[in-house]
Amino acid sequence: FPVTIDYYTPQEWPTPWEILFHGTFCPSSISLLIYYTLILKNPNTDIEMILVEDEDVYLLPLIDNQFVLNYELGTVNRYSDISTEFKVLKHIPKETIKTLT
C-alpha cells in the first residue's frame, strides 16, 4: 500500500470523509478511520495514535493505553502482548489531531 498520510502533521490529516471520497486507503488511513469512529461515538474516549515501525512504518490506535486496533485484521490486541513486535516511534495524543467540528 502507498502511504497516504504524513505521519508528522496530524493537524493536516484527512477527515474520514476525505479518505472515503478519495479512496486513499493505507494501513495508517484505516487506523485513522477507526480513531475517528471511536471519537465520534464517544468524544471522551481515552485514545491516541502511535506511530510504529516493524517492516513498515504506520499508525495504530491505542485505546486506554491497553488495546490496539488494526494491528491484526479483525482482532483487538492487548498492547502488552504485542508491544515487543514493533518499535514505537511517536505517541500522537488526540489533542494534536484535527477535530471534526
C-alpha atoms as a PDB file:
ATOM      1  CA  PHE A   1       0.000   0.000   0.000  1.00  0.00           C
ATOM      2  CA  PRO A   2       1.251   3.505  -0.726  1.00  0.00           C
ATOM      3  CA  VAL A   3       1.411   5.809   2.290  1.00  0.00           C
ATOM      4  CA  THR A   4      -1.405   8.378   2.165  1.00  0.00           C
ATOM      5  CA  ILE A   5      -0.744  10.262   5.423  1.00  0.00           C
ATOM      6  CA  ASP A   6       2.198  12.385   6.536  1.00  0.00           C
ATOM      7  CA  TYR A   7       2.815  10.908   9.975  1.00  0.00           C
ATOM      8  CA  TYR A   8       4.286  14.088  11.394  1.00  0.00           C
ATOM      9  CA  THR A   9       1.484  16.550  10.592  1.00  0.00           C
ATOM     10  CA  PRO A  10      -1.646  15.289  12.407  1.00  0.00           C
ATOM     11  CA  GLN A  11      -3.381  18.666  12.021  1.00  0.00           C
ATOM     12  CA  GLU A  12      -3.305  18.096   8.257  1.00  0.00           C
ATOM     13  CA  TRP A  13      -4.532  14.500   8.232  1.00  0.00           C
ATOM     14  CA  PRO A  14      -7.614  13.988   6.078  1.00  0.00           C
ATOM     15  CA  THR A  15     -11.047  13.696   7.618  1.00  0.00           C
ATOM     16  CA  PRO A  16     -12.781  10.323   7.364  1.00  0.00           C
ATOM     17  CA  TRP A  17     -14.987  11.706   4.594  1.00  0.00           C
ATOM     18  CA  GLU A  18     -11.938  12.798   2.589  1.00  0.00           C
ATOM     19  CA  ILE A  19     -10.362   9.358   2.986  1.00  0.00           C
ATOM     20  CA  LEU A  20     -13.562   7.676   1.783  1.00  0.00           C
ATOM     21  CA  PHE A  21     -14.226  10.143  -1.051  1.00  0.00           C
ATOM     22  CA  HIS A  22     -10.698   9.923  -2.469  1.00  0.00           C
ATOM     23  CA  GLY A  23     -10.244   6.225  -1.684  1.00  0.00           C
ATOM     24  CA  THR A  24      -6.897   6.913  -0.067  1.00  0.00           C
ATOM     25  CA  PHE A  25      -6.613   3.706   1.922  1.00  0.00           C
ATOM     26  CA  CYS A  26      -3.434   2.502   3.561  1.00  0.00           C
ATOM     27  CA  PRO A  27      -2.873   0.875   6.962  1.00  0.00           C
ATOM     28  CA  SER A  28      -2.465   4.313   8.570  1.00  0.00           C
ATOM     29  CA  SER A  29      -5.575   5.841   6.998  1.00  0.00           C
ATOM     30  CA  ILE A  30      -7.586   2.795   8.086  1.00  0.00           C
ATOM     31  CA  SER A  31      -6.278   3.324  11.630  1.00  0.00           C
ATOM     32  CA  LEU A  32      -7.338   6.953  11.340  1.00  0.00           C
ATOM     33  CA  LEU A  33     -10.840   5.880  10.255  1.00  0.00           C
ATOM     34  CA  ILE A  34     -11.019   3.646  13.341  1.00  0.00           C
ATOM     35  CA  TYR A  35      -9.800   6.524  15.509  1.00  0.00           C
ATOM     36  CA  TYR A  36     -12.432   8.953  14.190  1.00  0.00           C
ATOM     37  CA  THR A  37     -15.194   6.349  14.518  1.00  0.00           C
ATOM     38  CA  LEU A  38     -14.376   5.865  18.193  1.00  0.00           C
ATOM     39  CA  ILE A  39     -14.107   9.633  18.820  1.00  0.00           C
ATOM     40  CA  LEU A  40     -17.449  10.292  17.119  1.00  0.00           C
ATOM     41  CA  LYS A  41     -19.078   7.552  19.178  1.00  0.00           C
ATOM     42  CA  ASN A  42     -17.627   8.862  22.449  1.00  0.00           C
ATOM     43  CA  PRO A  43     -15.588  12.109  22.433  1.00  0.00           C
ATOM     44  CA  ASN A  44     -14.202  11.240  25.873  1.00  0.00           C
ATOM     45  CA  THR A  45     -12.570   8.034  24.660  1.00  0.00           C
ATOM     46  CA  ASP A  46      -9.043   7.659  26.016  1.00  0.00           C
ATOM     47  CA  ILE A  47      -7.327   7.165  22.681  1.00  0.00           C
ATOM     48  CA  GLU A  48      -4.136   8.191  20.972  1.00  0.00           C
ATOM     49  CA  MET A  49      -2.387   7.215  17.792  1.00  0.00           C
ATOM     50  CA  ILE A  50       1.010   5.585  17.919  1.00  0.00           C
ATOM     51  CA  LEU A  51       3.466   5.616  15.063  1.00  0.00           C
ATOM     52  CA  VAL A  52       5.161   2.224  14.951  1.00  0.00           C
ATOM     53  CA  GLU A  53       7.865   0.549  12.922  1.00  0.00           C
ATOM     54  CA  ASP A  54       8.362  -3.106  12.123  1.00  0.00           C
ATOM     55  CA  GLU A  55       8.927  -3.987   8.454  1.00  0.00           C
ATOM     56  CA  ASP A  56       6.966  -0.810   7.666  1.00  0.00           C
ATOM     57  CA  VAL A  57       6.046   2.416   9.429  1.00  0.00           C
ATOM     58  CA  TYR A  58       2.367   3.022  10.159  1.00  0.00           C
ATOM     59  CA  LEU A  59      -0.152   4.396  12.635  1.00  0.00           C
ATOM     60  CA  LEU A  60      -2.180   2.385  15.126  1.00  0.00           C
ATOM     61  CA  PRO A  61      -4.934   3.495  17.510  1.00  0.00           C
ATOM     62  CA  LEU A  62      -4.142   2.797  21.179  1.00  0.00           C
ATOM     63  CA  ILE A  63      -7.173   2.779  23.493  1.00  0.00           C
ATOM     64  CA  ASP A  64      -6.895   3.219  27.271  1.00  0.00           C
ATOM     65  CA  ASN A  65      -3.168   2.554  26.877  1.00  0.00           C
ATOM     66  CA  GLN A  66      -4.180  -1.141  26.765  1.00  0.00           C
ATOM     67  CA  PHE A  67      -5.747  -2.107  23.450  1.00  0.00           C
ATOM     68  CA  VAL A  68      -4.543  -1.776  19.864  1.00  0.00           C
ATOM     69  CA  LEU A  69      -6.749  -1.969  16.796  1.00  0.00           C
ATOM     70  CA  ASN A  70      -5.711  -2.590  13.174  1.00  0.00           C
ATOM     71  CA  TYR A  71      -2.502  -4.463  14.049  1.00  0.00           C
ATOM     72  CA  GLU A  72      -4.093  -7.772  13.077  1.00  0.00           C
ATOM     73  CA  LEU A  73      -7.162  -7.760  10.856  1.00  0.00           C
ATOM     74  CA  GLY A  74     -10.348  -8.184  12.865  1.00  0.00           C
ATOM     75  CA  THR A  75      -8.544  -8.505  16.194  1.00  0.00           C
ATOM     76  CA  VAL A  76      -8.361  -6.356  19.302  1.00  0.00           C
ATOM     77  CA  ASN A  77      -4.846  -6.838  20.622  1.00  0.00           C
ATOM     78  CA  ARG A  78      -3.625  -6.169  24.127  1.00  0.00           C
ATOM     79  CA  TYR A  79      -0.806  -3.649  23.854  1.00  0.00           C
ATOM     80  CA  SER A  80       1.215  -5.582  26.433  1.00  0.00           C
ATOM     81  CA  ASP A  81       1.018  -8.726  24.258  1.00  0.00           C
ATOM     82  CA  ILE A  82       2.297  -7.112  21.041  1.00  0.00           C
ATOM     83  CA  SER A  83       4.481  -4.214  22.204  1.00  0.00           C
ATOM     84  CA  THR A  84       7.675  -6.185  21.549  1.00  0.00           C
ATOM     85  CA  GLU A  85       6.641  -6.788  17.917  1.00  0.00           C
ATOM     86  CA  PHE A  86       7.359  -3.198  16.863  1.00  0.00           C
ATOM     87  CA  LYS A  87       9.187  -0.057  17.894  1.00  0.00           C
ATOM     88  CA  VAL A  88       7.056   2.927  18.912  1.00  0.00           C
ATOM     89  CA  LEU A  89       8.446   5.967  17.121  1.00  0.00           C
ATOM     90  CA  LYS A  90       5.969   8.512  18.414  1.00  0.00           C
ATOM     91  CA  HIS A  91       2.847   8.919  20.538  1.00  0.00           C
ATOM     92  CA  ILE A  92       0.289  11.271  18.986  1.00  0.00           C
ATOM     93  CA  PRO A  93      -2.316  12.367  21.552  1.00  0.00           C
ATOM     94  CA  LYS A  94      -5.827  13.181  20.386  1.00  0.00           C
ATOM     95  CA  GLU A  95      -5.336  16.854  21.293  1.00  0.00           C
ATOM     96  CA  THR A  96      -2.917  17.194  18.364  1.00  0.00           C
ATOM     97  CA  ILE A  97      -5.181  15.537  15.776  1.00  0.00           C
ATOM     98  CA  LYS A  98      -7.566  17.594  13.681  1.00  0.00           C
ATOM     99  CA  THR A  99     -11.040  17.675  15.178  1.00  0.00           C
ATOM    100  CA  LEU A 100     -14.168  17.129  13.114  1.00  0.00           C
ATOM    101  CA  THR A 101     -16.091  20.106  14.427  1.00  0.00           C
END
